[in-house]
N, C-alpha and C. Protein backbone atom coordinates (compact mmCIF):
# COMPACT_ATOMS: atom_id res chain seq x y z
N UNK A 1 29.81 25.02 -0.75
CA UNK A 1 28.46 25.59 -1.10
C UNK A 1 27.60 25.00 -1.75
N UNK A 2 26.48 24.95 -1.59
CA UNK A 2 25.41 23.19 -2.56
C UNK A 2 24.97 23.87 -3.61
N UNK A 3 24.96 24.98 -4.08
CA UNK A 3 24.13 25.51 -5.33
C UNK A 3 25.51 24.47 -5.77
N UNK A 4 27.42 25.29 -5.84
CA UNK A 4 27.85 24.33 -6.96
C UNK A 4 28.25 23.28 -6.88
N UNK A 5 28.23 22.02 -5.56
CA UNK A 5 27.67 21.07 -5.62
C UNK A 5 26.66 20.59 -6.63
N UNK A 6 25.63 20.99 -7.11
CA UNK A 6 24.65 20.81 -7.34
C UNK A 6 24.83 20.95 -8.62
N UNK A 7 25.54 22.00 -8.77
CA UNK A 7 25.90 22.21 -10.77
C UNK A 7 26.90 20.87 -11.27
N UNK A 8 27.45 20.71 -10.23
CA UNK A 8 28.98 19.83 -10.03
C UNK A 8 28.58 18.42 -10.35
N UNK A 9 27.13 17.77 -10.50
CA UNK A 9 27.53 16.54 -9.99
C UNK A 9 26.43 15.40 -10.73
N UNK A 10 27.52 14.74 -11.55
CA UNK A 10 26.87 13.63 -12.47
C UNK A 10 26.92 12.63 -11.98
N UNK A 11 26.47 11.49 -12.66
CA UNK A 11 26.59 10.40 -12.62
C UNK A 11 27.76 9.73 -13.44
N UNK A 12 27.77 8.00 -13.41
CA UNK A 12 28.60 7.36 -13.73
C UNK A 12 29.05 7.67 -15.42
N UNK A 13 28.24 8.13 -16.08
CA UNK A 13 28.26 7.30 -17.72
C UNK A 13 28.24 9.68 -18.19
N UNK A 14 28.76 10.44 -17.37
CA UNK A 14 28.52 11.75 -16.90
C UNK A 14 26.96 12.38 -17.28
N UNK A 15 26.03 12.22 -16.99
CA UNK A 15 24.59 12.62 -16.93
C UNK A 15 24.20 13.37 -15.70
N UNK A 16 23.82 14.45 -15.95
CA UNK A 16 24.15 15.73 -14.85
C UNK A 16 23.09 15.43 -13.68
N UNK A 17 23.64 14.72 -12.42
CA UNK A 17 22.42 13.82 -11.15
C UNK A 17 21.36 15.11 -10.64
N UNK A 18 20.48 14.74 -10.66
CA UNK A 18 19.21 15.61 -9.96
C UNK A 18 19.48 15.75 -8.47
N UNK A 19 19.20 15.73 -7.75
CA UNK A 19 18.97 16.00 -6.51
C UNK A 19 17.67 14.62 -5.92
N UNK A 20 17.93 13.84 -4.76
CA UNK A 20 16.74 12.82 -4.63
C UNK A 20 16.75 13.75 -2.34
N UNK A 21 15.42 13.95 -2.90
CA UNK A 21 14.73 13.86 -1.61
C UNK A 21 14.21 13.30 -0.43
N UNK A 22 14.89 13.01 0.43
CA UNK A 22 14.82 12.42 1.78
C UNK A 22 13.68 12.62 2.11
N UNK A 23 12.46 11.25 2.28
CA UNK A 23 11.65 10.43 3.09
C UNK A 23 11.40 11.39 5.12
N UNK A 24 10.59 11.77 5.00
CA UNK A 24 10.18 12.72 6.50
C UNK A 24 10.51 11.06 7.06
N UNK A 25 9.66 10.49 6.45
CA UNK A 25 9.53 9.06 7.42
C UNK A 25 10.43 7.32 7.30
N UNK A 26 11.00 6.61 8.47
CA UNK A 26 13.16 6.63 7.45
C UNK A 26 12.08 4.41 8.21
N UNK A 27 12.54 3.98 8.08
CA UNK A 27 12.87 2.41 8.19
C UNK A 27 12.71 2.36 8.04
N UNK A 28 14.54 1.14 9.12
CA UNK A 28 15.55 0.02 8.78
C UNK A 28 14.94 -1.31 9.46
N UNK A 29 15.15 -2.27 8.50
CA UNK A 29 14.31 -3.71 9.06
C UNK A 29 15.04 -5.07 8.74
N UNK A 30 15.99 -5.65 9.79
CA UNK A 30 16.14 -6.91 9.31
C UNK A 30 15.15 -7.28 8.35
N UNK A 31 15.12 -9.12 7.65
CA UNK A 31 14.29 -9.59 6.83
C UNK A 31 13.75 -10.46 7.96
N UNK A 32 13.11 -11.39 8.20
CA UNK A 32 12.08 -12.30 8.50
C UNK A 32 10.80 -12.31 7.44
N UNK A 33 9.32 -13.05 8.06
CA UNK A 33 8.65 -13.77 7.95
C UNK A 33 7.67 -12.72 8.02
N UNK A 34 7.54 -12.01 6.58
CA UNK A 34 7.19 -10.67 5.75
C UNK A 34 7.26 -9.36 7.05
N UNK A 35 8.05 -8.95 7.47
CA UNK A 35 8.09 -7.75 8.24
C UNK A 35 6.87 -6.67 7.64
N UNK A 36 6.51 -5.96 8.86
CA UNK A 36 5.45 -5.10 8.21
C UNK A 36 6.58 -3.55 7.80
N UNK A 37 6.56 -2.92 7.12
CA UNK A 37 7.66 -1.55 6.78
C UNK A 37 6.27 -0.59 7.44
N UNK A 38 5.16 -0.39 6.25
CA UNK A 38 3.55 0.51 6.01
C UNK A 38 3.10 -0.97 6.10
N UNK A 39 1.92 0.20 6.93
CA UNK A 39 0.85 -0.57 7.10
C UNK A 39 0.16 0.11 6.41
N UNK A 40 -0.66 -0.63 5.63
CA UNK A 40 -1.87 -0.32 4.58
C UNK A 40 -3.06 0.54 5.39
N UNK A 41 -3.47 0.52 6.43
CA UNK A 41 -4.35 1.36 7.26
C UNK A 41 -4.25 2.41 7.44
N UNK A 42 -2.85 2.88 7.23
CA UNK A 42 -2.42 4.29 7.35
C UNK A 42 -2.52 5.06 6.26
N UNK A 43 -2.61 4.22 4.93
CA UNK A 43 -1.86 4.90 3.74
C UNK A 43 -3.32 5.05 3.39
N UNK A 44 -3.63 6.08 3.80
CA UNK A 44 -5.49 6.53 2.50
C UNK A 44 -5.02 6.84 2.25
N UNK A 45 -3.82 8.16 0.86
CA UNK A 45 -3.59 9.51 0.09
C UNK A 45 -2.83 8.08 -0.41
N UNK A 46 -1.41 7.50 -0.07
CA UNK A 46 -0.56 6.99 -0.20
C UNK A 46 0.78 6.93 -0.53
N UNK A 47 1.38 6.56 -0.43
CA UNK A 47 2.80 6.50 0.14
C UNK A 47 3.98 6.71 -1.08
N UNK A 48 4.93 7.64 -1.10
CA UNK A 48 5.36 7.64 -1.84
C UNK A 48 7.38 7.00 -1.31
N UNK A 49 7.92 5.61 -1.76
CA UNK A 49 9.20 5.23 -1.29
C UNK A 49 10.03 6.49 -1.91
N UNK A 50 11.32 7.10 -1.45
CA UNK A 50 11.98 8.08 -1.99
C UNK A 50 13.17 7.51 -1.82
N UNK A 51 14.12 6.94 -1.05
CA UNK A 51 14.86 6.09 -0.44
C UNK A 51 14.99 4.83 -0.50
N UNK A 52 14.95 3.28 -1.06
CA UNK A 52 15.17 2.87 -0.71
C UNK A 52 17.16 1.34 -0.70
N UNK A 53 17.71 1.47 0.37
CA UNK A 53 18.71 0.26 0.35
C UNK A 53 18.79 -0.94 0.09
N UNK A 54 19.28 -2.14 -0.51
CA UNK A 54 18.53 -3.68 0.59
C UNK A 54 19.41 -4.63 -0.51
N UNK A 55 19.22 -5.20 0.57
CA UNK A 55 20.57 -6.47 0.35
C UNK A 55 20.49 -8.06 1.08
N UNK A 56 19.82 -9.15 0.25
CA UNK A 56 19.68 -10.09 0.44
C UNK A 56 18.31 -10.32 1.05
N UNK A 57 17.18 -9.90 0.12
CA UNK A 57 15.96 -8.74 0.20
C UNK A 57 14.25 -9.02 -0.83
N UNK A 58 13.12 -8.92 -0.38
CA UNK A 58 12.88 -8.73 -1.52
C UNK A 58 11.98 -7.83 -0.35
N UNK A 59 10.96 -7.00 -1.61
CA UNK A 59 9.89 -5.38 -0.85
C UNK A 59 8.78 -6.08 -2.03
N UNK A 60 7.62 -6.54 -1.40
CA UNK A 60 6.28 -6.42 -1.87
C UNK A 60 5.38 -5.21 -1.21
N UNK A 61 4.64 -5.18 -2.19
CA UNK A 61 3.90 -4.13 -1.94
C UNK A 61 1.96 -4.71 -2.01
N UNK A 62 0.64 -5.08 -1.69
CA UNK A 62 -0.36 -5.10 -1.55
C UNK A 62 -1.03 -4.91 -0.89
N UNK A 63 -2.27 -5.46 -1.35
CA UNK A 63 -3.75 -4.28 0.79
C UNK A 63 -3.34 -5.43 1.66
N UNK A 64 -2.93 -6.43 1.29
CA UNK A 64 -2.97 -7.70 2.75
C UNK A 64 -1.26 -7.77 3.62
N UNK A 65 -1.03 -8.69 3.24
CA UNK A 65 0.81 -9.37 4.28
C UNK A 65 0.78 -10.54 3.26
N UNK A 66 1.66 -10.51 2.71
CA UNK A 66 1.44 -12.14 1.81
C UNK A 66 1.98 -13.30 2.15
N UNK A 67 2.92 -14.84 1.83
CA UNK A 67 3.15 -15.08 2.54
C UNK A 67 4.16 -15.62 1.53
N UNK A 68 4.08 -16.78 2.16
CA UNK A 68 5.41 -17.77 0.57
C UNK A 68 4.50 -18.27 0.30
N UNK A 69 3.26 -19.03 0.35
CA UNK A 69 2.18 -19.50 -0.81
C UNK A 69 1.93 -19.12 -0.80
N UNK A 70 1.69 -17.11 -1.36
CA UNK A 70 1.05 -16.81 -2.43
C UNK A 70 1.42 -15.62 -2.19
N UNK A 71 3.37 -15.62 -2.21
CA UNK A 71 4.14 -13.92 -2.82
C UNK A 71 4.44 -14.23 -4.36
N UNK A 72 4.00 -14.99 -5.65
CA UNK A 72 4.24 -14.81 -6.30
C UNK A 72 2.93 -13.69 -7.11
N UNK A 73 1.59 -14.21 -5.86
CA UNK A 73 0.52 -12.57 -6.52
C UNK A 73 0.31 -11.93 -5.97
N UNK A 74 1.95 -11.10 -4.84
CA UNK A 74 2.13 -10.21 -4.82
C UNK A 74 2.83 -9.25 -6.10
N UNK A 75 2.98 -7.67 -5.96
CA UNK A 75 3.93 -7.01 -6.75
C UNK A 75 5.18 -6.98 -6.21
N UNK A 76 6.60 -7.41 -6.62
CA UNK A 76 7.77 -7.12 -6.43
C UNK A 76 8.20 -5.83 -6.09
N UNK A 77 7.99 -4.98 -5.10
CA UNK A 77 8.57 -3.82 -5.17
C UNK A 77 10.08 -3.65 -5.48
N UNK A 78 10.81 -4.44 -5.48
CA UNK A 78 12.92 -4.53 -5.76
C UNK A 78 13.33 -6.10 -5.27
N UNK A 79 14.49 -5.75 -5.18
CA UNK A 79 15.09 -8.30 -4.93
C UNK A 79 16.15 -7.11 -5.16
N UNK A 80 16.70 -7.81 -4.27
CA UNK A 80 18.00 -8.09 -4.19
C UNK A 80 18.57 -9.05 -3.40
N UNK A 81 20.01 -9.91 -4.04
CA UNK A 81 20.57 -10.87 -3.40
C UNK A 81 21.55 -10.72 -2.44
N UNK A 82 21.95 -10.90 -2.89
CA UNK A 82 23.57 -11.22 -1.35
C UNK A 82 24.12 -9.56 -2.27
N UNK A 83 24.58 -8.65 -2.89
CA UNK A 83 24.84 -7.31 -3.53
C UNK A 83 23.90 -6.57 -2.65
N UNK A 84 24.69 -5.61 -2.60
CA UNK A 84 23.35 -4.40 -2.75
C UNK A 84 22.65 -3.84 -3.39
N UNK A 85 21.83 -3.27 -3.05
CA UNK A 85 21.03 -2.87 -4.38
C UNK A 85 19.95 -1.89 -4.06
N UNK A 86 20.70 0.20 -4.69
CA UNK A 86 20.08 0.77 -4.29
C UNK A 86 19.16 1.06 -5.24
N UNK A 87 18.08 2.02 -4.99
CA UNK A 87 16.55 2.11 -6.23
C UNK A 87 16.86 3.57 -6.64
N UNK A 88 16.09 3.20 -8.00
CA UNK A 88 17.60 4.72 -8.21
C UNK A 88 16.28 5.84 -8.91
N UNK A 89 15.13 5.33 -8.48
CA UNK A 89 13.90 5.91 -8.44
C UNK A 89 13.34 6.10 -7.84
N UNK A 90 12.25 6.92 -7.39
CA UNK A 90 10.72 7.60 -6.23
C UNK A 90 10.32 5.76 -6.85
N UNK A 91 9.21 5.40 -5.61
CA UNK A 91 8.58 4.48 -5.75
C UNK A 91 6.61 4.94 -5.25
N UNK A 92 5.50 5.08 -5.99
CA UNK A 92 4.67 5.85 -5.96
C UNK A 92 4.10 4.36 -5.08
N UNK A 93 2.96 3.95 -3.91
CA UNK A 93 2.22 2.62 -3.28
C UNK A 93 0.92 3.46 -3.91
N UNK A 94 0.13 2.36 -4.03
CA UNK A 94 -1.82 3.21 -4.39
C UNK A 94 -2.03 3.74 -2.63
N UNK A 95 -2.84 4.18 -2.26
CA UNK A 95 -3.55 4.30 -1.00
C UNK A 95 -3.79 2.77 -0.72
N UNK A 96 -4.21 2.30 0.68
CA UNK A 96 -4.49 1.06 1.03
C UNK A 96 -2.71 0.72 0.80
N UNK A 97 -1.56 0.06 -0.06
CA UNK A 97 -1.00 -1.05 0.11
C UNK A 97 -0.20 -0.40 0.99
N UNK A 98 0.18 -2.10 2.04
CA UNK A 98 0.89 -1.40 2.95
C UNK A 98 2.80 -1.80 2.05
N UNK A 99 3.71 -2.53 2.97
CA UNK A 99 5.43 -2.99 2.81
C UNK A 99 5.59 -3.61 3.03
N UNK A 100 5.95 -5.08 3.07
CA UNK A 100 6.25 -6.01 3.86
C UNK A 100 7.93 -5.96 3.15
N UNK A 101 9.07 -6.65 3.97
CA UNK A 101 10.26 -6.82 3.72
C UNK A 101 9.97 -9.00 4.28
N UNK A 102 11.29 -9.11 2.84
CA UNK A 102 10.92 -10.95 3.40
C UNK A 102 13.16 -11.84 2.64
N UNK A 103 13.43 -11.92 3.45
CA UNK A 103 14.76 -12.73 2.89
C UNK A 103 15.38 -13.92 3.86
N UNK A 104 16.45 -13.20 3.77
CA UNK A 104 17.20 -14.12 4.16
C UNK A 104 18.18 -13.84 5.24
N UNK A 105 18.60 -14.47 6.56
CA UNK A 105 19.12 -14.19 8.27
C UNK A 105 19.10 -12.80 7.46
N UNK A 106 20.18 -12.47 6.62
CA UNK A 106 21.44 -11.36 7.08
C UNK A 106 21.00 -10.73 5.88
N UNK A 107 19.55 -10.31 5.32
CA UNK A 107 18.83 -9.05 4.74
C UNK A 107 18.95 -8.26 5.44
N UNK A 108 18.39 -7.53 4.60
CA UNK A 108 18.39 -5.90 5.33
C UNK A 108 17.39 -4.64 4.86
N UNK A 109 17.08 -3.58 5.24
CA UNK A 109 16.96 -2.71 4.27
C UNK A 109 16.80 -0.89 5.02
N UNK A 110 16.90 0.08 4.26
CA UNK A 110 17.06 0.86 5.07
C UNK A 110 15.60 1.40 3.61
N UNK A 111 14.61 2.22 4.29
CA UNK A 111 13.99 3.14 3.62
C UNK A 111 13.36 4.16 4.88
N UNK A 112 13.00 5.26 3.02
CA UNK A 112 12.91 6.71 3.71
C UNK A 112 12.02 6.44 2.90
N UNK A 113 10.57 7.53 3.53
CA UNK A 113 9.45 7.55 2.58
C UNK A 113 8.01 8.45 3.18
N UNK A 114 7.75 9.13 2.68
CA UNK A 114 6.52 10.61 3.35
C UNK A 114 4.69 9.01 2.28
N UNK A 115 4.15 10.27 3.29
CA UNK A 115 2.82 9.79 3.46
C UNK A 115 2.41 10.89 2.65
N UNK A 116 1.45 10.44 1.78
CA UNK A 116 0.59 11.27 1.30
C UNK A 116 -0.42 12.66 1.48
N UNK A 117 -0.30 13.06 1.19
CA UNK A 117 -1.93 13.93 2.46
C UNK A 117 -2.73 14.67 1.00
């Protein structure tokens, strides 16, 4: 029964874990030249990134697509080297902001998210 599971769910240091909502939208992307995951044009009221798994990649946000010459001017949402990274919390992007992935040839991300209404 799921209620029993929730009552017995603890993290590695003994803290009780709360359930994490999986977003209604899902994206899997290999890395590349700043591939778009969330289009700023469809983000009219904000986006909540619910779950993020990442390896060999960087996730950027902003109102326009970053590029290698200006990526330092863009908010970095999450970065992972050769190790697999799971973001332990949800992230809310403001309305009008998009999400892009960049990284190595072997890098990728799995993201679930919800558009706010």
